[in-house]
Amino acid sequence: MRIIIFGFRPGTKQRRAVFAALMMGTRPASLWDLYAFTFGPSKYSNTNPKVRLVNEYYRLLGMGSLQSSIGTIEDGLFKLSNDWWRISDVNASYNMCTTYPFALLVPKAIKDSELLKACTFRARCRLPVISWCDKRKYWI
């Protein structure tokens, strides 16, 4: 635990802005107001979680110029790959793992059938998958 003390000069507008930001971070009005989603300005105006997830996978694959839509997701046209990684819909019906998203970013060499076999050896069928990538240390 840390205690952080802010000191502002009287009459400055900065203290109100810092207070508002802290309040938004501690009591978010929606899921997208959490710090994890508000760290930087979002490039995606669509608030549909599935579309945002696929767009983030496109960014991680180095295909950030592509934009997904609910139509491409429903038609299964979002399953793209690069030399190392691919987007899998193995969990599309949430039967493999109820706590994971409908699409997963997994190594390209691994087949969906192998993922289904491997998950049976893990607690609650949770496989290691990519969930975040630091832009400064881009590995693709």
N, C-alpha and C. Protein backbone atom coordinates (compact mmCIF):
# COMPACT_ATOMS: atom_id res chain seq x y z
N MET A 1 0.85 -1.18 0.00
CA MET A 1 0.00 0.00 0.00
C MET A 1 0.89 1.24 0.00
N ARG A 2 0.44 2.22 -0.72
CA ARG A 2 1.16 3.48 -0.77
C ARG A 2 0.19 4.62 -0.49
N ILE A 3 0.70 5.62 0.15
CA ILE A 3 -0.07 6.84 0.36
C ILE A 3 0.59 7.91 -0.49
N ILE A 4 -0.19 8.49 -1.35
CA ILE A 4 0.31 9.55 -2.23
C ILE A 4 -0.37 10.84 -1.85
N ILE A 5 0.43 11.86 -1.64
CA ILE A 5 -0.10 13.17 -1.27
C ILE A 5 0.19 14.13 -2.41
N PHE A 6 -0.85 14.80 -2.86
CA PHE A 6 -0.72 15.80 -3.91
C PHE A 6 -0.72 17.18 -3.26
N GLY A 7 0.16 18.03 -3.72
CA GLY A 7 0.19 19.41 -3.24
C GLY A 7 -0.02 20.37 -4.40
N PHE A 8 -1.06 21.19 -4.31
CA PHE A 8 -1.36 22.14 -5.38
C PHE A 8 -1.40 23.54 -4.80
N ARG A 9 -1.06 24.48 -5.61
CA ARG A 9 -1.17 25.87 -5.20
C ARG A 9 -2.65 26.25 -5.16
N PRO A 10 -3.02 27.07 -4.22
CA PRO A 10 -4.43 27.48 -4.14
C PRO A 10 -4.87 28.18 -5.43
N GLY A 11 -6.10 27.88 -5.81
CA GLY A 11 -6.69 28.53 -6.97
C GLY A 11 -6.29 27.95 -8.32
N THR A 12 -5.58 26.82 -8.34
CA THR A 12 -5.20 26.23 -9.63
C THR A 12 -6.28 25.25 -10.08
N LYS A 13 -6.40 25.10 -11.38
CA LYS A 13 -7.40 24.20 -11.94
C LYS A 13 -6.91 22.75 -11.96
N GLN A 14 -5.64 22.54 -11.75
CA GLN A 14 -5.08 21.19 -11.83
C GLN A 14 -5.65 20.27 -10.76
N ARG A 15 -5.88 20.79 -9.59
CA ARG A 15 -6.37 19.92 -8.51
C ARG A 15 -7.74 19.36 -8.84
N ARG A 16 -8.61 20.14 -9.47
CA ARG A 16 -9.93 19.67 -9.85
C ARG A 16 -9.81 18.58 -10.91
N ALA A 17 -8.89 18.75 -11.89
CA ALA A 17 -8.70 17.75 -12.95
C ALA A 17 -8.15 16.45 -12.38
N VAL A 18 -7.19 16.55 -11.46
CA VAL A 18 -6.63 15.35 -10.84
C VAL A 18 -7.69 14.65 -9.99
N PHE A 19 -8.46 15.40 -9.24
CA PHE A 19 -9.53 14.82 -8.44
C PHE A 19 -10.55 14.10 -9.33
N ALA A 20 -10.96 14.73 -10.42
CA ALA A 20 -11.93 14.11 -11.34
C ALA A 20 -11.36 12.82 -11.93
N ALA A 21 -10.09 12.82 -12.32
CA ALA A 21 -9.46 11.62 -12.89
C ALA A 21 -9.39 10.50 -11.86
N LEU A 22 -9.05 10.83 -10.63
CA LEU A 22 -8.99 9.82 -9.57
C LEU A 22 -10.38 9.25 -9.27
N MET A 23 -11.38 10.10 -9.25
CA MET A 23 -12.74 9.63 -8.99
C MET A 23 -13.22 8.73 -10.12
N MET A 24 -12.90 9.09 -11.36
CA MET A 24 -13.31 8.25 -12.48
C MET A 24 -12.61 6.89 -12.41
N GLY A 25 -11.36 6.87 -11.97
CA GLY A 25 -10.62 5.61 -11.87
C GLY A 25 -11.08 4.73 -10.72
N THR A 26 -11.60 5.33 -9.67
CA THR A 26 -12.02 4.54 -8.52
C THR A 26 -13.49 4.13 -8.58
N ARG A 27 -14.28 4.90 -9.32
CA ARG A 27 -15.70 4.60 -9.47
C ARG A 27 -16.13 4.75 -10.92
N PRO A 28 -15.69 3.83 -11.77
CA PRO A 28 -16.02 3.97 -13.20
C PRO A 28 -17.51 3.77 -13.45
N ALA A 29 -18.02 4.56 -14.40
CA ALA A 29 -19.44 4.46 -14.76
C ALA A 29 -19.70 3.25 -15.64
N SER A 30 -18.68 2.82 -16.40
CA SER A 30 -18.83 1.66 -17.26
C SER A 30 -17.51 0.91 -17.32
N LEU A 31 -17.54 -0.26 -17.88
CA LEU A 31 -16.33 -1.07 -18.01
C LEU A 31 -15.23 -0.33 -18.77
N TRP A 32 -15.62 0.42 -19.80
CA TRP A 32 -14.63 1.10 -20.65
C TRP A 32 -13.99 2.29 -19.97
N ASP A 33 -14.49 2.69 -18.79
CA ASP A 33 -13.89 3.78 -18.03
C ASP A 33 -12.77 3.30 -17.12
N LEU A 34 -12.56 1.98 -17.03
CA LEU A 34 -11.47 1.47 -16.21
C LEU A 34 -10.13 1.94 -16.76
N TYR A 35 -9.14 2.08 -15.89
CA TYR A 35 -7.83 2.58 -16.28
C TYR A 35 -7.22 1.76 -17.42
N ALA A 36 -7.43 0.47 -17.41
CA ALA A 36 -6.85 -0.37 -18.45
C ALA A 36 -7.31 0.03 -19.84
N PHE A 37 -8.50 0.57 -19.96
CA PHE A 37 -9.03 0.98 -21.25
C PHE A 37 -8.83 2.45 -21.54
N THR A 38 -8.54 3.25 -20.52
CA THR A 38 -8.41 4.68 -20.72
C THR A 38 -6.98 5.17 -20.65
N PHE A 39 -6.01 4.27 -20.65
CA PHE A 39 -4.60 4.65 -20.55
C PHE A 39 -4.23 5.62 -21.66
N GLY A 40 -4.72 5.39 -22.83
CA GLY A 40 -4.48 6.28 -23.95
C GLY A 40 -5.78 6.47 -24.70
N PRO A 41 -5.80 7.42 -25.59
CA PRO A 41 -7.04 7.61 -26.34
C PRO A 41 -7.33 6.40 -27.22
N SER A 42 -8.54 5.93 -27.19
CA SER A 42 -8.92 4.77 -27.96
C SER A 42 -9.08 5.15 -29.42
N LYS A 43 -8.56 4.30 -30.29
CA LYS A 43 -8.73 4.51 -31.72
C LYS A 43 -10.08 3.98 -32.17
N TYR A 44 -10.74 3.24 -31.32
CA TYR A 44 -11.96 2.56 -31.72
C TYR A 44 -13.15 3.20 -31.05
N SER A 45 -14.03 3.77 -31.85
CA SER A 45 -15.19 4.43 -31.29
C SER A 45 -16.32 3.44 -31.00
N ASN A 46 -16.26 2.26 -31.61
CA ASN A 46 -17.29 1.26 -31.40
C ASN A 46 -17.15 0.70 -29.98
N THR A 47 -18.23 0.66 -29.23
CA THR A 47 -18.17 0.18 -27.86
C THR A 47 -18.53 -1.29 -27.73
N ASN A 48 -18.80 -1.95 -28.86
CA ASN A 48 -19.09 -3.38 -28.80
C ASN A 48 -17.82 -4.11 -28.37
N PRO A 49 -17.83 -4.84 -27.26
CA PRO A 49 -16.61 -5.48 -26.77
C PRO A 49 -15.98 -6.46 -27.77
N LYS A 50 -16.79 -7.17 -28.52
CA LYS A 50 -16.25 -8.12 -29.49
C LYS A 50 -15.49 -7.40 -30.60
N VAL A 51 -16.05 -6.31 -31.09
CA VAL A 51 -15.40 -5.54 -32.15
C VAL A 51 -14.11 -4.92 -31.63
N ARG A 52 -14.15 -4.38 -30.42
CA ARG A 52 -12.94 -3.78 -29.84
C ARG A 52 -11.85 -4.84 -29.65
N LEU A 53 -12.21 -6.03 -29.22
CA LEU A 53 -11.25 -7.10 -29.03
C LEU A 53 -10.58 -7.48 -30.35
N VAL A 54 -11.38 -7.69 -31.37
CA VAL A 54 -10.83 -8.08 -32.67
C VAL A 54 -9.95 -6.97 -33.24
N ASN A 55 -10.36 -5.71 -33.08
CA ASN A 55 -9.54 -4.60 -33.54
C ASN A 55 -8.20 -4.55 -32.80
N GLU A 56 -8.23 -4.86 -31.51
CA GLU A 56 -6.97 -4.90 -30.74
C GLU A 56 -6.10 -6.05 -31.23
N TYR A 57 -6.68 -7.19 -31.55
CA TYR A 57 -5.91 -8.30 -32.11
C TYR A 57 -5.31 -7.91 -33.46
N TYR A 58 -6.06 -7.19 -34.27
CA TYR A 58 -5.51 -6.72 -35.54
C TYR A 58 -4.28 -5.85 -35.29
N ARG A 59 -4.35 -4.98 -34.28
CA ARG A 59 -3.21 -4.12 -33.94
C ARG A 59 -2.01 -4.97 -33.53
N LEU A 60 -2.25 -5.97 -32.70
CA LEU A 60 -1.16 -6.82 -32.23
C LEU A 60 -0.55 -7.64 -33.37
N LEU A 61 -1.35 -7.97 -34.36
CA LEU A 61 -0.85 -8.72 -35.51
C LEU A 61 -0.14 -7.83 -36.52
N GLY A 62 -0.14 -6.52 -36.28
CA GLY A 62 0.48 -5.59 -37.21
C GLY A 62 -0.45 -5.21 -38.35
N MET A 63 -1.74 -5.40 -38.17
CA MET A 63 -2.75 -5.09 -39.19
C MET A 63 -3.68 -4.00 -38.67
N GLY A 64 -3.10 -3.02 -37.99
CA GLY A 64 -3.90 -1.97 -37.36
C GLY A 64 -4.73 -1.15 -38.31
N SER A 65 -4.41 -1.19 -39.60
CA SER A 65 -5.20 -0.41 -40.56
C SER A 65 -6.55 -1.08 -40.84
N LEU A 66 -6.68 -2.36 -40.52
CA LEU A 66 -7.96 -3.06 -40.70
C LEU A 66 -8.91 -2.71 -39.57
N GLN A 67 -10.19 -2.67 -39.85
CA GLN A 67 -11.20 -2.43 -38.84
C GLN A 67 -12.26 -3.52 -38.92
N SER A 68 -12.57 -4.09 -37.80
CA SER A 68 -13.58 -5.13 -37.73
C SER A 68 -14.96 -4.50 -37.56
N SER A 69 -15.96 -5.31 -37.75
CA SER A 69 -17.33 -4.88 -37.49
C SER A 69 -18.09 -6.09 -36.95
N ILE A 70 -19.26 -5.85 -36.43
CA ILE A 70 -20.05 -6.97 -35.91
C ILE A 70 -20.39 -7.94 -37.03
N GLY A 71 -20.52 -7.43 -38.25
CA GLY A 71 -20.81 -8.29 -39.40
C GLY A 71 -19.67 -9.24 -39.72
N THR A 72 -18.44 -8.73 -39.70
CA THR A 72 -17.29 -9.60 -39.97
C THR A 72 -17.13 -10.65 -38.88
N ILE A 73 -17.48 -10.29 -37.66
CA ILE A 73 -17.39 -11.25 -36.55
C ILE A 73 -18.46 -12.33 -36.70
N GLU A 74 -19.68 -11.93 -36.99
CA GLU A 74 -20.76 -12.91 -37.16
C GLU A 74 -20.53 -13.83 -38.34
N ASP A 75 -19.88 -13.31 -39.39
CA ASP A 75 -19.58 -14.13 -40.57
C ASP A 75 -18.30 -14.95 -40.42
N GLY A 76 -17.57 -14.76 -39.32
CA GLY A 76 -16.32 -15.50 -39.09
C GLY A 76 -15.16 -15.03 -39.95
N LEU A 77 -15.21 -13.79 -40.44
CA LEU A 77 -14.17 -13.28 -41.33
C LEU A 77 -13.06 -12.55 -40.59
N PHE A 78 -13.01 -12.68 -39.28
CA PHE A 78 -12.01 -11.98 -38.48
C PHE A 78 -10.77 -12.83 -38.20
N LYS A 79 -10.77 -14.08 -38.60
CA LYS A 79 -9.69 -15.01 -38.24
C LYS A 79 -8.48 -14.82 -39.16
N LEU A 80 -7.67 -13.82 -38.85
CA LEU A 80 -6.47 -13.51 -39.63
C LEU A 80 -5.23 -13.96 -38.88
N SER A 81 -4.08 -13.90 -39.53
CA SER A 81 -2.83 -14.30 -38.90
C SER A 81 -1.67 -13.54 -39.53
N ASN A 82 -0.54 -13.58 -38.84
CA ASN A 82 0.71 -13.12 -39.42
C ASN A 82 1.67 -14.31 -39.39
N ASP A 83 2.96 -14.09 -39.45
CA ASP A 83 3.91 -15.21 -39.50
C ASP A 83 3.95 -16.03 -38.22
N TRP A 84 3.61 -15.42 -37.08
CA TRP A 84 3.77 -16.12 -35.80
C TRP A 84 2.46 -16.37 -35.07
N TRP A 85 1.47 -15.50 -35.23
CA TRP A 85 0.26 -15.55 -34.42
C TRP A 85 -0.98 -15.59 -35.31
N ARG A 86 -2.08 -16.09 -34.73
CA ARG A 86 -3.35 -16.12 -35.45
C ARG A 86 -4.49 -15.88 -34.47
N ILE A 87 -5.61 -15.44 -35.02
CA ILE A 87 -6.82 -15.26 -34.21
C ILE A 87 -7.65 -16.53 -34.36
N SER A 88 -7.95 -17.16 -33.24
CA SER A 88 -8.71 -18.40 -33.23
C SER A 88 -10.11 -18.16 -32.68
N ASP A 89 -11.08 -18.86 -33.25
CA ASP A 89 -12.45 -18.79 -32.73
C ASP A 89 -12.82 -20.07 -31.98
N VAL A 90 -11.81 -20.76 -31.45
CA VAL A 90 -12.03 -22.02 -30.76
C VAL A 90 -12.98 -21.87 -29.57
N ASN A 91 -13.06 -20.67 -29.03
CA ASN A 91 -13.92 -20.43 -27.87
C ASN A 91 -15.16 -19.62 -28.25
N ALA A 92 -15.56 -19.67 -29.51
CA ALA A 92 -16.67 -18.84 -30.02
C ALA A 92 -17.96 -19.06 -29.23
N SER A 93 -18.22 -20.27 -28.82
CA SER A 93 -19.46 -20.55 -28.07
C SER A 93 -19.20 -20.58 -26.56
N TYR A 94 -17.99 -20.23 -26.15
CA TYR A 94 -17.58 -20.20 -24.74
C TYR A 94 -17.64 -21.57 -24.09
N ASN A 95 -17.56 -22.63 -24.89
CA ASN A 95 -17.58 -23.99 -24.34
C ASN A 95 -16.21 -24.41 -23.82
N MET A 96 -15.14 -23.90 -24.41
CA MET A 96 -13.81 -24.27 -23.95
C MET A 96 -13.52 -23.65 -22.58
N CYS A 97 -13.73 -22.34 -22.48
CA CYS A 97 -13.47 -21.63 -21.23
C CYS A 97 -14.45 -20.48 -21.10
N THR A 98 -15.29 -20.53 -20.09
CA THR A 98 -16.33 -19.51 -19.94
C THR A 98 -15.78 -18.16 -19.53
N THR A 99 -14.56 -18.10 -19.01
CA THR A 99 -14.00 -16.83 -18.55
C THR A 99 -13.08 -16.19 -19.58
N TYR A 100 -12.92 -16.80 -20.74
CA TYR A 100 -12.10 -16.23 -21.81
C TYR A 100 -12.99 -15.64 -22.89
N PRO A 101 -12.45 -14.72 -23.69
CA PRO A 101 -13.27 -14.14 -24.76
C PRO A 101 -13.56 -15.13 -25.88
N PHE A 102 -14.43 -14.73 -26.79
CA PHE A 102 -14.84 -15.61 -27.89
C PHE A 102 -13.70 -15.87 -28.88
N ALA A 103 -12.76 -14.97 -28.97
CA ALA A 103 -11.61 -15.11 -29.87
C ALA A 103 -10.33 -15.04 -29.06
N LEU A 104 -9.34 -15.81 -29.47
CA LEU A 104 -8.06 -15.85 -28.76
C LEU A 104 -6.92 -15.62 -29.74
N LEU A 105 -5.88 -14.96 -29.28
CA LEU A 105 -4.67 -14.78 -30.08
C LEU A 105 -3.68 -15.84 -29.63
N VAL A 106 -3.37 -16.77 -30.52
CA VAL A 106 -2.56 -17.94 -30.18
C VAL A 106 -1.43 -18.11 -31.20
N PRO A 107 -0.41 -18.91 -30.86
CA PRO A 107 0.65 -19.18 -31.85
C PRO A 107 0.06 -19.82 -33.11
N LYS A 108 0.58 -19.41 -34.26
CA LYS A 108 0.04 -19.86 -35.54
C LYS A 108 0.21 -21.37 -35.73
N ALA A 109 1.26 -21.94 -35.18
CA ALA A 109 1.55 -23.35 -35.40
C ALA A 109 0.61 -24.29 -34.65
N ILE A 110 -0.13 -23.79 -33.69
CA ILE A 110 -1.01 -24.64 -32.88
C ILE A 110 -2.41 -24.68 -33.49
N LYS A 111 -2.91 -25.88 -33.71
CA LYS A 111 -4.25 -26.06 -34.27
C LYS A 111 -5.30 -25.95 -33.17
N ASP A 112 -6.53 -25.64 -33.56
CA ASP A 112 -7.61 -25.54 -32.59
C ASP A 112 -7.85 -26.86 -31.87
N SER A 113 -7.69 -27.97 -32.57
CA SER A 113 -7.88 -29.27 -31.93
C SER A 113 -6.84 -29.49 -30.83
N GLU A 114 -5.63 -28.99 -31.05
CA GLU A 114 -4.58 -29.11 -30.03
C GLU A 114 -4.87 -28.20 -28.84
N LEU A 115 -5.45 -27.05 -29.10
CA LEU A 115 -5.83 -26.15 -28.00
C LEU A 115 -6.89 -26.81 -27.12
N LEU A 116 -7.86 -27.45 -27.75
CA LEU A 116 -8.92 -28.12 -26.99
C LEU A 116 -8.37 -29.26 -26.14
N LYS A 117 -7.39 -29.99 -26.65
CA LYS A 117 -6.77 -31.06 -25.87
C LYS A 117 -5.94 -30.49 -24.73
N ALA A 118 -5.18 -29.43 -25.02
CA ALA A 118 -4.30 -28.85 -24.01
C ALA A 118 -5.06 -28.21 -22.86
N CYS A 119 -6.21 -27.64 -23.15
CA CYS A 119 -6.94 -26.95 -22.09
C CYS A 119 -7.46 -27.90 -21.03
N THR A 120 -7.61 -29.18 -21.36
CA THR A 120 -8.11 -30.13 -20.37
C THR A 120 -7.11 -30.37 -19.24
N PHE A 121 -5.86 -30.00 -19.45
CA PHE A 121 -4.83 -30.18 -18.42
C PHE A 121 -4.62 -28.94 -17.58
N ARG A 122 -5.40 -27.89 -17.84
CA ARG A 122 -5.23 -26.63 -17.13
C ARG A 122 -6.44 -26.36 -16.24
N ALA A 123 -6.23 -25.66 -15.15
CA ALA A 123 -7.33 -25.30 -14.25
C ALA A 123 -8.34 -24.44 -14.99
N ARG A 124 -9.60 -24.82 -14.93
CA ARG A 124 -10.72 -24.13 -15.57
C ARG A 124 -10.47 -23.91 -17.07
N CYS A 125 -9.66 -24.77 -17.66
CA CYS A 125 -9.34 -24.73 -19.11
C CYS A 125 -8.71 -23.42 -19.54
N ARG A 126 -7.97 -22.78 -18.67
CA ARG A 126 -7.34 -21.50 -18.99
C ARG A 126 -5.96 -21.73 -19.59
N LEU A 127 -5.85 -21.45 -20.85
CA LEU A 127 -4.59 -21.56 -21.57
C LEU A 127 -3.85 -20.23 -21.54
N PRO A 128 -2.52 -20.26 -21.63
CA PRO A 128 -1.81 -18.98 -21.76
C PRO A 128 -2.04 -18.42 -23.16
N VAL A 129 -2.60 -17.23 -23.23
CA VAL A 129 -2.85 -16.55 -24.50
C VAL A 129 -2.39 -15.11 -24.37
N ILE A 130 -2.21 -14.45 -25.48
CA ILE A 130 -1.79 -13.05 -25.46
C ILE A 130 -2.98 -12.18 -25.10
N SER A 131 -2.75 -11.29 -24.14
CA SER A 131 -3.83 -10.38 -23.76
C SER A 131 -3.42 -8.92 -23.87
N TRP A 132 -2.10 -8.66 -23.99
CA TRP A 132 -1.63 -7.28 -24.04
C TRP A 132 -0.23 -7.27 -24.61
N CYS A 133 0.12 -6.20 -25.28
CA CYS A 133 1.46 -6.06 -25.85
C CYS A 133 1.91 -4.61 -25.69
N ASP A 134 3.09 -4.42 -25.15
CA ASP A 134 3.65 -3.08 -24.97
C ASP A 134 4.07 -2.53 -26.33
N LYS A 135 3.53 -1.39 -26.72
CA LYS A 135 3.83 -0.81 -28.03
C LYS A 135 5.32 -0.49 -28.17
N ARG A 136 6.00 -0.16 -27.07
CA ARG A 136 7.42 0.21 -27.14
C ARG A 136 8.31 -1.00 -27.39
N LYS A 137 7.81 -2.18 -27.08
CA LYS A 137 8.61 -3.41 -27.28
C LYS A 137 7.85 -4.34 -28.19
N TYR A 138 7.45 -3.82 -29.31
CA TYR A 138 6.62 -4.56 -30.26
C TYR A 138 7.38 -5.77 -30.76
N TRP A 139 6.85 -6.94 -30.64
CA TRP A 139 7.56 -8.19 -30.93
C TRP A 139 7.14 -8.83 -32.22
N ILE A 140 6.24 -8.24 -32.96
CA ILE A 140 5.78 -8.86 -34.22
C ILE A 140 6.56 -8.30 -35.38
